PDB file of N, CA and C in Angstrom:
ATOM      1  N   UNK A   1       2.367  10.522  -3.470  1.00  0.00           N
ATOM      2  CA  UNK A   1       2.067  10.158  -2.108  1.00  0.00           C
ATOM      3  C   UNK A   1       3.323  10.228  -1.248  1.00  0.00           C
ATOM      4  N   UNK A   2       4.438   9.869  -1.817  1.00  0.00           N
ATOM      5  CA  UNK A   2       5.685   9.912  -1.061  1.00  0.00           C
ATOM      6  C   UNK A   2       6.058  11.354  -0.744  1.00  0.00           C
ATOM      7  N   UNK A   3       5.814  12.245  -1.659  1.00  0.00           N
ATOM      8  CA  UNK A   3       6.045  13.668  -1.413  1.00  0.00           C
ATOM      9  C   UNK A   3       5.157  14.137  -0.256  1.00  0.00           C
ATOM     10  N   UNK A   4       3.920  13.711  -0.263  1.00  0.00           N
ATOM     11  CA  UNK A   4       3.000  14.068   0.813  1.00  0.00           C
ATOM     12  C   UNK A   4       3.486  13.515   2.146  1.00  0.00           C
ATOM     13  N   UNK A   5       3.926  12.284   2.147  1.00  0.00           N
ATOM     14  CA  UNK A   5       4.384  11.649   3.388  1.00  0.00           C
ATOM     15  C   UNK A   5       5.588  12.377   3.974  1.00  0.00           C
ATOM     16  N   UNK A   6       6.384  12.986   3.126  1.00  0.00           N
ATOM     17  CA  UNK A   6       7.577  13.685   3.613  1.00  0.00           C
ATOM     18  C   UNK A   6       7.259  15.106   4.070  1.00  0.00           C
ATOM     19  N   UNK A   7       5.993  15.487   4.041  1.00  0.00           N
ATOM     20  CA  UNK A   7       5.576  16.848   4.390  1.00  0.00           C
ATOM     21  C   UNK A   7       5.951  17.274   5.790  1.00  0.00           C
ATOM     22  N   UNK A   8       5.974  16.352   6.729  1.00  0.00           N
ATOM     23  CA  UNK A   8       6.345  16.696   8.103  1.00  0.00           C
ATOM     24  C   UNK A   8       7.791  16.299   8.403  1.00  0.00           C
ATOM     25  N   UNK A   9       8.562  16.076   7.352  1.00  0.00           N
ATOM     26  CA  UNK A   9       9.987  15.755   7.421  1.00  0.00           C
ATOM     27  C   UNK A   9      10.282  14.357   7.955  1.00  0.00           C
ATOM     28  N   UNK A  10       9.258  13.524   8.053  1.00  0.00           N
ATOM     29  CA  UNK A  10       9.466  12.166   8.550  1.00  0.00           C
ATOM     30  C   UNK A  10       8.424  11.236   7.926  1.00  0.00           C
ATOM     31  N   UNK A  11       8.878  10.139   7.337  1.00  0.00           N
ATOM     32  CA  UNK A  11       7.968   9.147   6.765  1.00  0.00           C
ATOM     33  C   UNK A  11       7.839   8.014   7.774  1.00  0.00           C
ATOM     34  N   UNK A  12       6.622   7.865   8.313  1.00  0.00           N
ATOM     35  CA  UNK A  12       6.394   6.824   9.317  1.00  0.00           C
ATOM     36  C   UNK A  12       6.241   5.462   8.638  1.00  0.00           C
ATOM     37  N   UNK A  13       6.334   4.433   9.427  1.00  0.00           N
ATOM     38  CA  UNK A  13       6.171   3.073   8.904  1.00  0.00           C
ATOM     39  C   UNK A  13       4.756   2.883   8.349  1.00  0.00           C
ATOM     40  N   UNK A  14       3.751   3.467   9.022  1.00  0.00           N
ATOM     41  CA  UNK A  14       2.364   3.370   8.538  1.00  0.00           C
ATOM     42  C   UNK A  14       2.207   4.048   7.184  1.00  0.00           C
ATOM     43  N   UNK A  15       2.815   5.220   7.028  1.00  0.00           N
ATOM     44  CA  UNK A  15       2.755   5.930   5.748  1.00  0.00           C
ATOM     45  C   UNK A  15       3.446   5.111   4.664  1.00  0.00           C
ATOM     46  N   UNK A  16       4.603   4.577   5.002  1.00  0.00           N
ATOM     47  CA  UNK A  16       5.363   3.760   4.050  1.00  0.00           C
ATOM     48  C   UNK A  16       4.551   2.550   3.590  1.00  0.00           C
ATOM     49  N   UNK A  17       3.935   1.855   4.525  1.00  0.00           N
ATOM     50  CA  UNK A  17       3.136   0.676   4.182  1.00  0.00           C
ATOM     51  C   UNK A  17       1.952   1.041   3.293  1.00  0.00           C
ATOM     52  N   UNK A  18       1.298   2.158   3.587  1.00  0.00           N
ATOM     53  CA  UNK A  18       0.167   2.594   2.771  1.00  0.00           C
ATOM     54  C   UNK A  18       0.616   2.902   1.340  1.00  0.00           C
ATOM     55  N   UNK A  19       1.736   3.594   1.212  1.00  0.00           N
ATOM     56  CA  UNK A  19       2.253   3.936  -0.119  1.00  0.00           C
ATOM     57  C   UNK A  19       2.616   2.674  -0.892  1.00  0.00           C
ATOM     58  N   UNK A  20       3.311   1.764  -0.254  1.00  0.00           N
ATOM     59  CA  UNK A  20       3.717   0.516  -0.911  1.00  0.00           C
ATOM     60  C   UNK A  20       2.486  -0.260  -1.376  1.00  0.00           C
ATOM     61  N   UNK A  21       1.419  -0.236  -0.582  1.00  0.00           N
ATOM     62  CA  UNK A  21       0.200  -0.969  -0.959  1.00  0.00           C
ATOM     63  C   UNK A  21      -0.446  -0.403  -2.218  1.00  0.00           C
ATOM     64  N   UNK A  22      -0.162   0.852  -2.536  1.00  0.00           N
ATOM     65  CA  UNK A  22      -0.757   1.506  -3.715  1.00  0.00           C
ATOM     66  C   UNK A  22       0.137   1.418  -4.951  1.00  0.00           C
ATOM     67  N   UNK A  23       1.394   1.027  -4.761  1.00  0.00           N
ATOM     68  CA  UNK A  23       2.333   0.985  -5.880  1.00  0.00           C
ATOM     69  C   UNK A  23       2.232  -0.324  -6.651  1.00  0.00           C
ATOM     70  N   UNK A  24       2.503  -0.217  -7.930  1.00  0.00           N
ATOM     71  CA  UNK A  24       2.621  -1.401  -8.768  1.00  0.00           C
ATOM     72  C   UNK A  24       4.110  -1.697  -8.883  1.00  0.00           C
ATOM     73  N   UNK A  25       4.509  -2.886  -8.496  1.00  0.00           N
ATOM     74  CA  UNK A  25       5.927  -3.241  -8.548  1.00  0.00           C
ATOM     75  C   UNK A  25       6.662  -2.781  -7.303  1.00  0.00           C
ATOM     76  N   UNK A  26       7.967  -2.840  -7.373  1.00  0.00           N
ATOM     77  CA  UNK A  26       8.811  -2.494  -6.234  1.00  0.00           C
ATOM     78  C   UNK A  26       9.491  -1.145  -6.444  1.00  0.00           C
ATOM     79  N   UNK A  27       8.712  -0.116  -6.681  1.00  0.00           N
ATOM     80  CA  UNK A  27       9.264   1.195  -7.001  1.00  0.00           C
ATOM     81  C   UNK A  27       9.526   2.075  -5.787  1.00  0.00           C
ATOM     82  N   UNK A  28       9.122   1.655  -4.599  1.00  0.00           N
ATOM     83  CA  UNK A  28       9.211   2.529  -3.433  1.00  0.00           C
ATOM     84  C   UNK A  28      10.624   3.057  -3.210  1.00  0.00           C
ATOM     85  N   UNK A  29      11.602   2.176  -3.186  1.00  0.00           N
ATOM     86  CA  UNK A  29      12.971   2.611  -2.896  1.00  0.00           C
ATOM     87  C   UNK A  29      13.526   3.543  -3.964  1.00  0.00           C
ATOM     88  N   UNK A  30      13.270   3.240  -5.222  1.00  0.00           N
ATOM     89  CA  UNK A  30      13.799   4.113  -6.279  1.00  0.00           C
ATOM     90  C   UNK A  30      13.118   5.479  -6.242  1.00  0.00           C
ATOM     91  N   UNK A  31      11.822   5.504  -5.964  1.00  0.00           N
ATOM     92  CA  UNK A  31      11.105   6.781  -5.864  1.00  0.00           C
ATOM     93  C   UNK A  31      11.604   7.558  -4.648  1.00  0.00           C
ATOM     94  N   UNK A  32      11.763   6.873  -3.513  1.00  0.00           N
ATOM     95  CA  UNK A  32      12.251   7.547  -2.305  1.00  0.00           C
ATOM     96  C   UNK A  32      13.645   8.117  -2.525  1.00  0.00           C
ATOM     97  N   UNK A  33      14.518   7.357  -3.179  1.00  0.00           N
ATOM     98  CA  UNK A  33      15.870   7.842  -3.443  1.00  0.00           C
ATOM     99  C   UNK A  33      15.852   9.070  -4.347  1.00  0.00           C
ATOM    100  N   UNK A  34      15.003   9.054  -5.355  1.00  0.00           N
ATOM    101  CA  UNK A  34      14.886  10.214  -6.243  1.00  0.00           C
ATOM    102  C   UNK A  34      14.350  11.415  -5.484  1.00  0.00           C
ATOM    103  N   UNK A  35      13.346  11.196  -4.669  1.00  0.00           N
ATOM    104  CA  UNK A  35      12.747  12.265  -3.876  1.00  0.00           C
ATOM    105  C   UNK A  35      13.785  12.903  -2.952  1.00  0.00           C
ATOM    106  N   UNK A  36      14.612  12.090  -2.351  1.00  0.00           N
ATOM    107  CA  UNK A  36      15.638  12.604  -1.433  1.00  0.00           C
ATOM    108  C   UNK A  36      16.688  13.445  -2.146  1.00  0.00           C
ATOM    109  N   UNK A  37      16.935  13.153  -3.415  1.00  0.00           N
ATOM    110  CA  UNK A  37      17.922  13.928  -4.185  1.00  0.00           C
ATOM    111  C   UNK A  37      17.372  15.272  -4.654  1.00  0.00           C
ATOM    112  N   UNK A  38      16.057  15.355  -4.798  1.00  0.00           N
ATOM    113  CA  UNK A  38      15.429  16.565  -5.343  1.00  0.00           C
ATOM    114  C   UNK A  38      15.121  17.579  -4.250  1.00  0.00           C
ATOM    115  N   UNK A  39      15.136  18.842  -4.646  1.00  0.00           N
ATOM    116  CA  UNK A  39      14.651  19.870  -3.734  1.00  0.00           C
ATOM    117  C   UNK A  39      13.135  20.013  -3.942  1.00  0.00           C
ATOM    118  N   UNK A  40      12.512  20.835  -3.126  1.00  0.00           N
ATOM    119  CA  UNK A  40      11.065  20.973  -3.166  1.00  0.00           C
ATOM    120  C   UNK A  40      10.578  21.448  -4.543  1.00  0.00           C
ATOM    121  N   UNK A  41      11.291  22.385  -5.137  1.00  0.00           N
ATOM    122  CA  UNK A  41      10.906  22.904  -6.453  1.00  0.00           C
ATOM    123  C   UNK A  41      10.888  21.785  -7.496  1.00  0.00           C
ATOM    124  N   UNK A  42      11.937  20.965  -7.519  1.00  0.00           N
ATOM    125  CA  UNK A  42      12.005  19.866  -8.491  1.00  0.00           C
ATOM    126  C   UNK A  42      10.871  18.862  -8.265  1.00  0.00           C
ATOM    127  N   UNK A  43      10.572  18.592  -7.002  1.00  0.00           N
ATOM    128  CA  UNK A  43       9.493  17.656  -6.689  1.00  0.00           C
ATOM    129  C   UNK A  43       8.171  18.153  -7.249  1.00  0.00           C
ATOM    130  N   UNK A  44       7.890  19.416  -7.046  1.00  0.00           N
ATOM    131  CA  UNK A  44       6.639  19.998  -7.548  1.00  0.00           C
ATOM    132  C   UNK A  44       6.618  19.996  -9.069  1.00  0.00           C
ATOM    133  N   UNK A  45       7.752  20.315  -9.686  1.00  0.00           N
ATOM    134  CA  UNK A  45       7.826  20.308 -11.146  1.00  0.00           C
ATOM    135  C   UNK A  45       7.547  18.912 -11.701  1.00  0.00           C
ATOM    136  N   UNK A  46       8.038  17.885 -11.029  1.00  0.00           N
ATOM    137  CA  UNK A  46       7.791  16.509 -11.474  1.00  0.00           C
ATOM    138  C   UNK A  46       6.319  16.145 -11.341  1.00  0.00           C
ATOM    139  N   UNK A  47       5.688  16.595 -10.272  1.00  0.00           N
ATOM    140  CA  UNK A  47       4.250  16.347 -10.109  1.00  0.00           C
ATOM    141  C   UNK A  47       3.486  17.005 -11.241  1.00  0.00           C
ATOM    142  N   UNK A  48       3.777  18.272 -11.507  1.00  0.00           N
ATOM    143  CA  UNK A  48       3.075  18.995 -12.575  1.00  0.00           C
ATOM    144  C   UNK A  48       3.339  18.363 -13.940  1.00  0.00           C
ATOM    145  N   UNK A  49       4.585  17.982 -14.200  1.00  0.00           N
ATOM    146  CA  UNK A  49       4.933  17.345 -15.462  1.00  0.00           C
ATOM    147  C   UNK A  49       4.106  16.078 -15.684  1.00  0.00           C
ATOM    148  N   UNK A  50       4.014  15.258 -14.634  1.00  0.00           N
ATOM    149  CA  UNK A  50       3.283  13.995 -14.771  1.00  0.00           C
ATOM    150  C   UNK A  50       1.776  14.193 -14.857  1.00  0.00           C
ATOM    151  N   UNK A  51       1.252  15.203 -14.199  1.00  0.00           N
ATOM    152  CA  UNK A  51      -0.179  15.507 -14.353  1.00  0.00           C
ATOM    153  C   UNK A  51      -0.490  15.839 -15.809  1.00  0.00           C
ATOM    154  N   UNK A  52       0.399  16.637 -16.404  1.00  0.00           N
ATOM    155  CA  UNK A  52       0.210  17.007 -17.806  1.00  0.00           C
ATOM    156  C   UNK A  52       0.497  15.834 -18.742  1.00  0.00           C
ATOM    157  N   UNK A  53       1.575  15.130 -18.491  1.00  0.00           N
ATOM    158  CA  UNK A  53       1.982  14.009 -19.339  1.00  0.00           C
ATOM    159  C   UNK A  53       0.882  12.959 -19.444  1.00  0.00           C
ATOM    160  N   UNK A  54       0.264  12.641 -18.302  1.00  0.00           N
ATOM    161  CA  UNK A  54      -0.757  11.603 -18.290  1.00  0.00           C
ATOM    162  C   UNK A  54      -2.167  12.160 -18.419  1.00  0.00           C
ATOM    163  N   UNK A  55      -2.266  13.494 -18.663  1.00  0.00           N
ATOM    164  CA  UNK A  55      -3.545  14.145 -18.907  1.00  0.00           C
ATOM    165  C   UNK A  55      -4.603  13.691 -17.890  1.00  0.00           C
ATOM    166  N   UNK A  56      -4.278  13.869 -16.621  1.00  0.00           N
ATOM    167  CA  UNK A  56      -5.144  13.391 -15.542  1.00  0.00           C
ATOM    168  C   UNK A  56      -6.488  14.106 -15.551  1.00  0.00           C
ATOM    169  N   UNK A  57      -7.523  13.318 -15.472  1.00  0.00           N
ATOM    170  CA  UNK A  57      -8.885  13.866 -15.417  1.00  0.00           C
ATOM    171  C   UNK A  57      -9.152  14.419 -14.020  1.00  0.00           C
ATOM    172  N   UNK A  58     -10.246  15.149 -13.892  1.00  0.00           N
ATOM    173  CA  UNK A  58     -10.640  15.686 -12.592  1.00  0.00           C
ATOM    174  C   UNK A  58     -10.825  14.552 -11.579  1.00  0.00           C
ATOM    175  N   UNK A  59     -11.435  13.459 -12.024  1.00  0.00           N
ATOM    176  CA  UNK A  59     -11.672  12.309 -11.141  1.00  0.00           C
ATOM    177  C   UNK A  59     -10.352  11.675 -10.693  1.00  0.00           C
ATOM    178  N   UNK A  60      -9.398  11.559 -11.618  1.00  0.00           N
ATOM    179  CA  UNK A  60      -8.094  10.992 -11.267  1.00  0.00           C
ATOM    180  C   UNK A  60      -7.358  11.888 -10.277  1.00  0.00           C
ATOM    181  N   UNK A  61      -7.444  13.192 -10.494  1.00  0.00           N
ATOM    182  CA  UNK A  61      -6.811  14.132  -9.564  1.00  0.00           C
ATOM    183  C   UNK A  61      -7.449  14.028  -8.181  1.00  0.00           C
ATOM    184  N   UNK A  62      -8.767  13.950  -8.140  1.00  0.00           N
ATOM    185  CA  UNK A  62      -9.460  13.816  -6.854  1.00  0.00           C
ATOM    186  C   UNK A  62      -9.077  12.518  -6.161  1.00  0.00           C
ATOM    187  N   UNK A  63      -8.913  11.456  -6.927  1.00  0.00           N
ATOM    188  CA  UNK A  63      -8.503  10.174  -6.363  1.00  0.00           C
ATOM    189  C   UNK A  63      -7.086  10.266  -5.783  1.00  0.00           C
ATOM    190  N   UNK A  64      -6.180  10.937  -6.509  1.00  0.00           N
ATOM    191  CA  UNK A  64      -4.816  11.108  -6.014  1.00  0.00           C
ATOM    192  C   UNK A  64      -4.797  11.965  -4.754  1.00  0.00           C
ATOM    193  N   UNK A  65      -5.626  13.006  -4.723  1.00  0.00           N
ATOM    194  CA  UNK A  65      -5.698  13.848  -3.527  1.00  0.00           C
ATOM    195  C   UNK A  65      -6.225  13.054  -2.335  1.00  0.00           C
ATOM    196  N   UNK A  66      -7.190  12.178  -2.576  1.00  0.00           N
ATOM    197  CA  UNK A  66      -7.717  11.332  -1.507  1.00  0.00           C
ATOM    198  C   UNK A  66      -6.609  10.410  -0.992  1.00  0.00           C
ATOM    199  N   UNK A  67      -5.837   9.820  -1.917  1.00  0.00           N
ATOM    200  CA  UNK A  67      -4.731   8.954  -1.520  1.00  0.00           C
ATOM    201  C   UNK A  67      -3.713   9.727  -0.689  1.00  0.00           C
ATOM    202  N   UNK A  68      -3.433  10.969  -1.097  1.00  0.00           N
ATOM    203  CA  UNK A  68      -2.479  11.786  -0.348  1.00  0.00           C
ATOM    204  C   UNK A  68      -3.006  12.094   1.050  1.00  0.00           C
ATOM    205  N   UNK A  69      -4.284  12.402   1.136  1.00  0.00           N
ATOM    206  CA  UNK A  69      -4.861  12.679   2.452  1.00  0.00           C
ATOM    207  C   UNK A  69      -4.803  11.422   3.319  1.00  0.00           C
ATOM    208  N   UNK A  70      -5.029  10.263   2.720  1.00  0.00           N
ATOM    209  CA  UNK A  70      -4.903   9.001   3.458  1.00  0.00           C
ATOM    210  C   UNK A  70      -3.485   8.832   3.998  1.00  0.00           C
ATOM    211  N   UNK A  71      -2.490   9.219   3.205  1.00  0.00           N
ATOM    212  CA  UNK A  71      -1.101   9.140   3.651  1.00  0.00           C
ATOM    213  C   UNK A  71      -0.890  10.084   4.829  1.00  0.00           C
ATOM    214  N   UNK A  72      -1.412  11.303   4.732  1.00  0.00           N
ATOM    215  CA  UNK A  72      -1.271  12.248   5.838  1.00  0.00           C
ATOM    216  C   UNK A  72      -1.899  11.694   7.114  1.00  0.00           C
ATOM    217  N   UNK A  73      -3.002  10.979   6.966  1.00  0.00           N
ATOM    218  CA  UNK A  73      -3.736  10.472   8.126  1.00  0.00           C
ATOM    219  C   UNK A  73      -3.228   9.108   8.611  1.00  0.00           C
ATOM    220  N   UNK A  74      -2.297   8.505   7.891  1.00  0.00           N
ATOM    221  CA  UNK A  74      -1.829   7.151   8.217  1.00  0.00           C
ATOM    222  C   UNK A  74      -1.248   7.048   9.615  1.00  0.00           C
ATOM    223  N   UNK A  75      -0.648   8.105  10.095  1.00  0.00           N
ATOM    224  CA  UNK A  75      -0.062   8.070  11.445  1.00  0.00           C
ATOM    225  C   UNK A  75      -1.034   8.587  12.500  1.00  0.00           C
ATOM    226  N   UNK A  76      -2.284   8.819  12.101  1.00  0.00           N
ATOM    227  CA  UNK A  76      -3.323   9.220  13.042  1.00  0.00           C
ATOM    228  C   UNK A  76      -3.397  10.700  13.332  1.00  0.00           C
ATOM    229  N   UNK A  77      -2.601  11.495  12.647  1.00  0.00           N
ATOM    230  CA  UNK A  77      -2.669  12.948  12.861  1.00  0.00           C
ATOM    231  C   UNK A  77      -2.501  13.678  11.531  1.00  0.00           C
ATOM    232  N   UNK A  78      -3.031  14.874  11.486  1.00  0.00           N
ATOM    233  CA  UNK A  78      -2.979  15.714  10.294  1.00  0.00           C
ATOM    234  C   UNK A  78      -2.550  17.094  10.787  1.00  0.00           C
ATOM    235  N   UNK A  79      -1.232  17.236  11.022  1.00  0.00           N
ATOM    236  CA  UNK A  79      -0.730  18.455  11.652  1.00  0.00           C
ATOM    237  C   UNK A  79      -0.725  19.642  10.689  1.00  0.00           C
ATOM    238  N   UNK A  80      -0.355  20.796  11.203  1.00  0.00           N
ATOM    239  CA  UNK A  80      -0.431  22.026  10.416  1.00  0.00           C
ATOM    240  C   UNK A  80       0.495  21.998   9.197  1.00  0.00           C
ATOM    241  N   UNK A  81       1.681  21.393   9.326  1.00  0.00           N
ATOM    242  CA  UNK A  81       2.578  21.286   8.164  1.00  0.00           C
ATOM    243  C   UNK A  81       1.943  20.439   7.071  1.00  0.00           C
ATOM    244  N   UNK A  82       1.362  19.313   7.469  1.00  0.00           N
ATOM    245  CA  UNK A  82       0.714  18.427   6.502  1.00  0.00           C
ATOM    246  C   UNK A  82      -0.490  19.118   5.877  1.00  0.00           C
ATOM    247  N   UNK A  83      -1.255  19.804   6.685  1.00  0.00           N
ATOM    248  CA  UNK A  83      -2.438  20.511   6.177  1.00  0.00           C
ATOM    249  C   UNK A  83      -2.034  21.568   5.151  1.00  0.00           C
ATOM    250  N   UNK A  84      -0.992  22.324   5.457  1.00  0.00           N
ATOM    251  CA  UNK A  84      -0.505  23.350   4.526  1.00  0.00           C
ATOM    252  C   UNK A  84      -0.027  22.729   3.223  1.00  0.00           C
ATOM    253  N   UNK A  85       0.708  21.632   3.343  1.00  0.00           N
ATOM    254  CA  UNK A  85       1.206  20.954   2.147  1.00  0.00           C
ATOM    255  C   UNK A  85       0.043  20.423   1.314  1.00  0.00           C
ATOM    256  N   UNK A  86      -0.955  19.837   1.973  1.00  0.00           N
ATOM    257  CA  UNK A  86      -2.104  19.303   1.250  1.00  0.00           C
ATOM    258  C   UNK A  86      -2.822  20.412   0.484  1.00  0.00           C
ATOM    259  N   UNK A  87      -3.031  21.541   1.116  1.00  0.00           N
ATOM    260  CA  UNK A  87      -3.706  22.661   0.446  1.00  0.00           C
ATOM    261  C   UNK A  87      -2.891  23.171  -0.752  1.00  0.00           C
ATOM    262  N   UNK A  88      -1.568  23.208  -0.609  1.00  0.00           N
ATOM    263  CA  UNK A  88      -0.717  23.644  -1.716  1.00  0.00           C
ATOM    264  C   UNK A  88      -0.792  22.651  -2.881  1.00  0.00           C
ATOM    265  N   UNK A  89      -0.736  21.364  -2.575  1.00  0.00           N
ATOM    266  CA  UNK A  89      -0.825  20.343  -3.622  1.00  0.00           C
ATOM    267  C   UNK A  89      -2.197  20.405  -4.295  1.00  0.00           C
ATOM    268  N   UNK A  90      -3.228  20.591  -3.493  1.00  0.00           N
ATOM    269  CA  UNK A  90      -4.591  20.680  -4.032  1.00  0.00           C
ATOM    270  C   UNK A  90      -4.693  21.834  -5.029  1.00  0.00           C
ATOM    271  N   UNK A  91      -4.056  22.952  -4.739  1.00  0.00           N
ATOM    272  CA  UNK A  91      -4.067  24.094  -5.654  1.00  0.00           C
ATOM    273  C   UNK A  91      -3.342  23.758  -6.957  1.00  0.00           C
ATOM    274  N   UNK A  92      -2.266  22.977  -6.861  1.00  0.00           N
ATOM    275  CA  UNK A  92      -1.531  22.581  -8.059  1.00  0.00           C
ATOM    276  C   UNK A  92      -2.392  21.742  -8.992  1.00  0.00           C
ATOM    277  N   UNK A  93      -3.187  20.871  -8.377  1.00  0.00           N
ATOM    278  CA  UNK A  93      -4.021  19.967  -9.163  1.00  0.00           C
ATOM    279  C   UNK A  93      -5.135  20.733  -9.847  1.00  0.00           C
TER     280      UNK A  93
END
């Protein structure tokens, strides 16, 4: 979700609050710091690795995609950059 929120190069307070509400524990800062250190390729590789590692079912993937779309919509808009990123992530899943 944090990767999705960074799709338009800016994480809004609404997006941040939505992500934090979905996290277990206080992982937001550590995840954000890791995300900032990684390039786009590494971020995608980590997503794919974790999808495989946790053997995500179709339903789990659909749930994650819904959460990501909620993050995109948290600021009230779903611009072309976000839409493109969502479609790319959807293809990965």
